[in-house]
């Protein structure tokens, strides 16, 4: 499992994406975008997902040549980490 980087910050949009992926389970960027519409464009969703992978909050997995995203830890742990950095 990936580790969270020290002094990481997360904004409301990133938290919203984490909540969507937590609720849906492993899913594609298309599914995340479809769930969030009309709150953001597809490229914004892609950039945000990439940033969350870089920060260690999400993992990118490949299944049947399709990239899926899933939370890297239990969502309750992520929420507690954000509340107590």
Protein backbone atom coordinates (compact mmCIF):
# COMPACT_ATOMS: atom_id res chain seq x y z
CA UNK A 1 0.00 0.00 0.00
CA UNK A 2 1.15 3.44 -0.75
CA UNK A 3 2.01 5.88 2.01
CA UNK A 4 0.70 9.37 2.37
CA UNK A 5 3.25 12.08 1.74
CA UNK A 6 4.08 14.38 4.61
CA UNK A 7 2.42 17.80 4.70
CA UNK A 8 -0.03 16.84 1.98
CA UNK A 9 -2.99 19.11 1.38
CA UNK A 10 -6.30 18.13 -0.14
CA UNK A 11 -9.00 20.42 -1.45
CA UNK A 12 -12.78 20.00 -1.52
CA UNK A 13 -12.83 18.72 -5.13
CA UNK A 14 -10.23 16.05 -4.32
CA UNK A 15 -12.21 14.99 -1.27
CA UNK A 16 -15.35 14.80 -3.40
CA UNK A 17 -13.56 12.48 -5.85
CA UNK A 18 -12.32 10.28 -3.00
CA UNK A 19 -15.87 9.98 -1.68
CA UNK A 20 -17.17 9.00 -5.13
CA UNK A 21 -14.53 6.31 -5.56
CA UNK A 22 -15.10 5.06 -2.02
CA UNK A 23 -18.84 4.72 -2.75
CA UNK A 24 -18.45 3.15 -6.21
CA UNK A 25 -15.45 0.93 -5.51
CA UNK A 26 -12.75 0.56 -8.17
CA UNK A 27 -13.91 2.56 -11.17
CA UNK A 28 -12.75 4.31 -14.32
CA UNK A 29 -12.21 8.02 -14.71
CA UNK A 30 -15.21 8.02 -17.07
CA UNK A 31 -17.45 6.62 -14.32
CA UNK A 32 -16.18 9.20 -11.83
CA UNK A 33 -16.84 12.01 -14.32
CA UNK A 34 -20.30 10.66 -15.12
CA UNK A 35 -21.15 10.55 -11.40
CA UNK A 36 -19.94 14.13 -10.79
CA UNK A 37 -21.48 15.87 -13.78
CA UNK A 38 -22.02 18.74 -14.17
CA UNK A 39 -19.53 19.78 -11.51
CA UNK A 40 -16.42 19.51 -13.67
CA UNK A 41 -14.97 18.72 -17.06
CA UNK A 42 -13.42 15.36 -17.89
CA UNK A 43 -9.86 16.72 -18.07
CA UNK A 44 -10.23 18.31 -14.65
CA UNK A 45 -11.36 14.96 -13.25
CA UNK A 46 -8.37 13.22 -14.89
CA UNK A 47 -5.87 15.74 -13.51
CA UNK A 48 -7.39 15.52 -10.05
CA UNK A 49 -7.29 11.71 -10.08
CA UNK A 50 -3.64 11.81 -11.16
CA UNK A 51 -2.86 14.24 -8.33
CA UNK A 52 -4.54 11.96 -5.79
CA UNK A 53 -2.45 9.04 -7.05
CA UNK A 54 0.69 11.15 -6.68
CA UNK A 55 -0.31 12.14 -3.14
CA UNK A 56 -0.91 8.48 -2.23
CA UNK A 57 -4.66 8.67 -1.66
CA UNK A 58 -5.57 6.60 -4.73
CA UNK A 59 -4.09 3.65 -6.56
CA UNK A 60 -4.26 3.21 -10.32
CA UNK A 61 -4.83 -0.40 -11.36
CA UNK A 62 -5.12 -1.93 -14.81
CA UNK A 63 -7.74 -4.60 -15.45
CA UNK A 64 -8.42 -5.84 -18.98
CA UNK A 65 -6.36 -2.97 -20.42
CA UNK A 66 -8.53 -0.41 -18.61
CA UNK A 67 -7.23 1.96 -15.93
CA UNK A 68 -9.28 1.92 -12.76
CA UNK A 69 -8.86 3.95 -9.60
CA UNK A 70 -9.41 2.79 -6.05
CA UNK A 71 -8.72 4.24 -2.64
CA UNK A 72 -5.30 3.23 -1.37
CA UNK A 73 -6.53 2.85 2.23
CA UNK A 74 -9.81 2.42 4.01
CA UNK A 75 -11.79 5.61 3.59
CA UNK A 76 -12.25 5.97 7.35
CA UNK A 77 -8.44 6.03 7.72
CA UNK A 78 -8.16 8.66 5.00
CA UNK A 79 -10.76 10.86 6.71
CA UNK A 80 -9.00 10.51 10.07
CA UNK A 81 -5.66 11.35 8.44
CA UNK A 82 -7.15 14.52 6.97
CA UNK A 83 -8.63 15.51 10.31
CA UNK A 84 -5.39 14.84 12.23
CA UNK A 85 -2.36 15.41 9.95
